[in-house]
Amino acid sequence: MERLLYTAELIEEGGTYKLVVQDMRRDTVQTTPVPRTAVDRLPVFLSALSSKLNSSQLHGRW
C-alpha cells in the first residue's frame, strides 16, 4: 500500500520562485525562496539524483 509522505511544489509568482514542502506525517509546511539559477538547474539535479538512486539499487546500497 502506498502512503504519501511529502509533497513539493515549485511556485513562480511575479518572477520569483518558492519551494513549498508539506510533511504529510507531521502535518507541517515549509516554504523557502529558490533562486532562478537553481530552478534552471533542477532538471539536471533530478536526473543526477535518479541516476544515483538507480545505481545504488544495482549495488544494493543507498
N, C-alpha and C. Protein backbone atom coordinates (compact mmCIF):
# COMPACT_ATOMS: atom_id res chain seq x y z
N MET A 1 0.84 -1.18 0.00
CA MET A 1 0.00 0.00 0.00
C MET A 1 0.89 1.25 0.00
N GLU A 2 0.63 2.13 -0.92
CA GLU A 2 1.39 3.38 -0.98
C GLU A 2 0.85 4.37 0.03
N ARG A 3 1.78 5.16 0.58
CA ARG A 3 1.38 6.22 1.51
C ARG A 3 2.16 7.48 1.16
N LEU A 4 1.47 8.56 0.93
CA LEU A 4 2.09 9.83 0.59
C LEU A 4 2.76 10.41 1.84
N LEU A 5 4.07 10.66 1.76
CA LEU A 5 4.81 11.19 2.90
C LEU A 5 5.06 12.69 2.78
N TYR A 6 5.43 13.13 1.58
CA TYR A 6 5.74 14.54 1.35
C TYR A 6 5.14 14.97 0.02
N THR A 7 4.80 16.24 -0.08
CA THR A 7 4.50 16.85 -1.37
C THR A 7 5.43 18.05 -1.52
N ALA A 8 5.77 18.36 -2.76
CA ALA A 8 6.63 19.51 -3.02
C ALA A 8 6.09 20.25 -4.24
N GLU A 9 6.08 21.56 -4.15
CA GLU A 9 5.65 22.40 -5.25
C GLU A 9 6.67 23.51 -5.44
N LEU A 10 7.00 23.77 -6.68
CA LEU A 10 7.85 24.90 -7.01
C LEU A 10 6.93 25.93 -7.66
N ILE A 11 6.80 27.07 -7.04
CA ILE A 11 5.82 28.08 -7.45
C ILE A 11 6.54 29.33 -7.95
N GLU A 12 6.08 29.85 -9.09
CA GLU A 12 6.60 31.12 -9.62
C GLU A 12 5.52 32.16 -9.44
N GLU A 13 5.93 33.29 -8.87
CA GLU A 13 4.98 34.39 -8.67
C GLU A 13 5.71 35.70 -8.89
N GLY A 14 5.32 36.40 -9.92
CA GLY A 14 5.92 37.70 -10.20
C GLY A 14 7.42 37.66 -10.45
N GLY A 15 7.89 36.57 -11.06
CA GLY A 15 9.31 36.46 -11.37
C GLY A 15 10.17 35.90 -10.24
N THR A 16 9.57 35.58 -9.11
CA THR A 16 10.32 34.96 -8.01
C THR A 16 9.79 33.53 -7.81
N TYR A 17 10.62 32.70 -7.22
CA TYR A 17 10.28 31.29 -7.05
C TYR A 17 10.33 30.92 -5.58
N LYS A 18 9.44 29.98 -5.21
CA LYS A 18 9.50 29.45 -3.85
C LYS A 18 9.17 27.97 -3.90
N LEU A 19 9.82 27.24 -3.00
CA LEU A 19 9.59 25.81 -2.86
C LEU A 19 8.74 25.60 -1.62
N VAL A 20 7.64 24.88 -1.78
CA VAL A 20 6.73 24.59 -0.67
C VAL A 20 6.73 23.07 -0.48
N VAL A 21 7.15 22.62 0.70
CA VAL A 21 7.19 21.19 1.01
C VAL A 21 6.26 20.92 2.19
N GLN A 22 5.34 19.98 1.98
CA GLN A 22 4.42 19.60 3.04
C GLN A 22 4.78 18.21 3.54
N ASP A 23 4.99 18.10 4.85
CA ASP A 23 5.24 16.82 5.51
C ASP A 23 3.88 16.27 5.93
N MET A 24 3.43 15.25 5.25
CA MET A 24 2.09 14.71 5.49
C MET A 24 1.99 13.98 6.83
N ARG A 25 3.10 13.44 7.31
CA ARG A 25 3.08 12.72 8.59
C ARG A 25 2.96 13.67 9.77
N ARG A 26 3.67 14.78 9.69
CA ARG A 26 3.68 15.74 10.80
C ARG A 26 2.71 16.89 10.60
N ASP A 27 2.08 16.93 9.42
CA ASP A 27 1.15 17.99 9.05
C ASP A 27 1.80 19.37 9.20
N THR A 28 3.00 19.50 8.61
CA THR A 28 3.71 20.78 8.62
C THR A 28 4.02 21.20 7.18
N VAL A 29 4.25 22.48 7.01
CA VAL A 29 4.60 23.03 5.70
C VAL A 29 5.81 23.92 5.87
N GLN A 30 6.79 23.76 4.98
CA GLN A 30 7.97 24.63 4.98
C GLN A 30 8.04 25.30 3.60
N THR A 31 8.34 26.59 3.62
CA THR A 31 8.47 27.36 2.39
C THR A 31 9.82 28.06 2.39
N THR A 32 10.49 28.01 1.24
CA THR A 32 11.79 28.69 1.13
C THR A 32 11.92 29.29 -0.26
N PRO A 33 12.53 30.48 -0.34
CA PRO A 33 12.77 31.06 -1.66
C PRO A 33 13.83 30.25 -2.41
N VAL A 34 13.70 30.22 -3.74
CA VAL A 34 14.64 29.47 -4.58
C VAL A 34 15.15 30.41 -5.66
N PRO A 35 16.47 30.54 -5.81
CA PRO A 35 16.99 31.42 -6.86
C PRO A 35 16.72 30.85 -8.26
N ARG A 36 16.60 31.72 -9.22
CA ARG A 36 16.34 31.33 -10.61
C ARG A 36 17.38 30.34 -11.12
N THR A 37 18.63 30.51 -10.73
CA THR A 37 19.68 29.60 -11.19
C THR A 37 19.42 28.17 -10.72
N ALA A 38 18.90 28.01 -9.52
CA ALA A 38 18.58 26.68 -9.00
C ALA A 38 17.39 26.09 -9.77
N VAL A 39 16.41 26.93 -10.09
CA VAL A 39 15.25 26.47 -10.86
C VAL A 39 15.71 25.99 -12.23
N ASP A 40 16.61 26.73 -12.85
CA ASP A 40 17.12 26.35 -14.16
C ASP A 40 17.90 25.04 -14.13
N ARG A 41 18.56 24.75 -13.01
CA ARG A 41 19.36 23.52 -12.89
C ARG A 41 18.56 22.33 -12.36
N LEU A 42 17.32 22.53 -12.00
CA LEU A 42 16.52 21.46 -11.40
C LEU A 42 16.44 20.19 -12.27
N PRO A 43 16.21 20.28 -13.57
CA PRO A 43 16.18 19.04 -14.37
C PRO A 43 17.50 18.27 -14.31
N VAL A 44 18.61 18.96 -14.30
CA VAL A 44 19.91 18.29 -14.21
C VAL A 44 20.08 17.63 -12.85
N PHE A 45 19.68 18.33 -11.80
CA PHE A 45 19.76 17.78 -10.45
C PHE A 45 18.89 16.52 -10.32
N LEU A 46 17.67 16.58 -10.82
CA LEU A 46 16.77 15.42 -10.74
C LEU A 46 17.30 14.24 -11.53
N SER A 47 17.89 14.50 -12.68
CA SER A 47 18.48 13.44 -13.48
C SER A 47 19.65 12.79 -12.74
N ALA A 48 20.50 13.61 -12.12
CA ALA A 48 21.63 13.07 -11.36
C ALA A 48 21.16 12.26 -10.16
N LEU A 49 20.12 12.75 -9.48
CA LEU A 49 19.57 12.03 -8.34
C LEU A 49 18.99 10.69 -8.77
N SER A 50 18.26 10.69 -9.84
CA SER A 50 17.68 9.46 -10.37
C SER A 50 18.77 8.47 -10.75
N SER A 51 19.79 8.96 -11.40
CA SER A 51 20.91 8.10 -11.78
C SER A 51 21.59 7.51 -10.55
N LYS A 52 21.80 8.33 -9.54
CA LYS A 52 22.43 7.88 -8.29
C LYS A 52 21.57 6.81 -7.61
N LEU A 53 20.27 7.05 -7.54
CA LEU A 53 19.38 6.08 -6.89
C LEU A 53 19.34 4.77 -7.67
N ASN A 54 19.29 4.84 -8.99
CA ASN A 54 19.28 3.62 -9.80
C ASN A 54 20.59 2.86 -9.65
N SER A 55 21.69 3.58 -9.59
CA SER A 55 23.00 2.96 -9.40
C SER A 55 23.09 2.30 -8.03
N SER A 56 22.56 2.94 -7.01
CA SER A 56 22.59 2.40 -5.66
C SER A 56 21.76 1.13 -5.56
N GLN A 57 20.63 1.10 -6.26
CA GLN A 57 19.79 -0.09 -6.22
C GLN A 57 20.50 -1.27 -6.87
N LEU A 58 21.27 -1.01 -7.92
CA LEU A 58 22.01 -2.07 -8.58
C LEU A 58 23.10 -2.63 -7.67
N HIS A 59 23.68 -1.76 -6.84
CA HIS A 59 24.75 -2.17 -5.94
C HIS A 59 24.24 -2.55 -4.55
N GLY A 60 22.93 -2.40 -4.33
CA GLY A 60 22.34 -2.83 -3.07
C GLY A 60 22.62 -1.93 -1.89
N ARG A 61 22.89 -0.66 -2.15
CA ARG A 61 23.10 0.28 -1.05
C ARG A 61 22.60 1.65 -1.44
N TRP A 62 22.48 2.53 -0.48
CA TRP A 62 21.97 3.88 -0.68
C TRP A 62 22.99 4.86 -0.42
